[in-house]
Amino acid sequence: MQKSMQFELYCDESGKFRFRGLDKHGNEILRSNSYDSKDAAMQALDFMKSAAVEGDIVDRTDERDLKNP
């Protein structure tokens, strides 16, 4: 059974560490900020994976919200 999402840890063009989330078709659906160390990127990824399950969805598509994000 293929998982619905895969995370990749990689080095960007500037030598910083990042991670990205890929859907089951290999399309990038999220990209992290850059981190100075692999360990920092992994810690951020682990936090994101655990926090996303309980995170709230905030809809900011209302025109008023777009003026004051």
Protein backbone atom coordinates (compact mmCIF):
# COMPACT_ATOMS: atom_id res chain seq x y z
CA MET A 1 0.00 0.00 0.00
CA GLN A 2 1.42 3.36 -1.05
CA LYS A 3 1.48 6.08 1.60
CA SER A 4 -0.40 9.26 0.87
CA MET A 5 2.60 11.48 1.64
CA GLN A 6 6.38 11.23 1.72
CA PHE A 7 8.88 13.65 3.25
CA GLU A 8 12.31 14.31 1.74
CA LEU A 9 15.21 15.98 3.48
CA TYR A 10 17.62 17.73 1.10
CA CYS A 11 20.25 20.46 0.72
CA ASP A 12 19.23 23.50 -1.31
CA GLU A 13 21.42 25.49 -3.71
CA SER A 14 22.90 27.54 -0.85
CA GLY A 15 23.89 24.45 1.14
CA LYS A 16 21.10 24.85 3.71
CA PHE A 17 18.90 21.96 4.79
CA ARG A 18 15.21 21.79 3.91
CA PHE A 19 12.44 19.24 3.77
CA ARG A 20 9.53 18.90 1.41
CA GLY A 21 6.33 16.94 1.41
CA LEU A 22 5.35 14.98 -1.67
CA ASP A 23 1.93 13.59 -2.44
CA LYS A 24 1.43 10.01 -3.62
CA HIS A 25 2.15 11.12 -7.21
CA GLY A 26 5.48 12.75 -6.29
CA ASN A 27 4.20 16.33 -6.52
CA GLU A 28 5.65 18.77 -4.01
CA ILE A 29 2.88 20.06 -1.78
CA LEU A 30 4.97 21.77 0.91
CA ARG A 31 8.48 23.09 1.37
CA SER A 32 10.14 24.12 4.61
CA ASN A 33 12.22 27.11 5.53
CA SER A 34 15.98 26.60 5.36
CA TYR A 35 17.99 25.35 8.33
CA ASP A 36 21.71 25.59 9.07
CA SER A 37 21.99 21.96 10.16
CA LYS A 38 20.49 18.63 9.22
CA ASP A 39 19.56 18.08 12.86
CA ALA A 40 17.59 21.35 13.00
CA ALA A 41 15.72 20.45 9.81
CA MET A 42 14.87 17.00 11.18
CA GLN A 43 13.64 18.50 14.46
CA ALA A 44 11.40 20.91 12.53
CA LEU A 45 10.09 18.07 10.37
CA ASP A 46 9.35 15.89 13.39
CA PHE A 47 7.54 18.78 15.07
CA MET A 48 5.54 19.57 11.94
CA LYS A 49 4.49 15.94 11.50
CA SER A 50 3.27 15.62 15.09
CA ALA A 51 1.66 19.08 15.34
CA ALA A 52 -0.17 18.85 12.01
CA VAL A 53 -2.44 16.13 13.33
CA GLU A 54 -3.83 18.42 16.03
CA GLY A 55 -3.42 21.74 14.23
CA ASP A 56 -6.35 24.02 13.49
CA ILE A 57 -7.28 25.17 10.01
CA VAL A 58 -7.64 28.96 9.87
CA ASP A 59 -9.48 30.25 6.81
CA ARG A 60 -8.04 33.64 5.88
CA THR A 61 -9.71 33.88 2.49
CA ASP A 62 -12.15 36.55 3.67
CA GLU A 63 -11.30 39.85 1.96
CA ARG A 64 -10.83 41.59 5.32
CA ASP A 65 -8.28 38.99 6.39
CA LEU A 66 -6.30 39.42 3.16
CA LYS A 67 -5.81 43.13 3.93
CA ASN A 68 -4.45 42.35 7.42
CA PRO A 69 -2.84 38.89 7.34
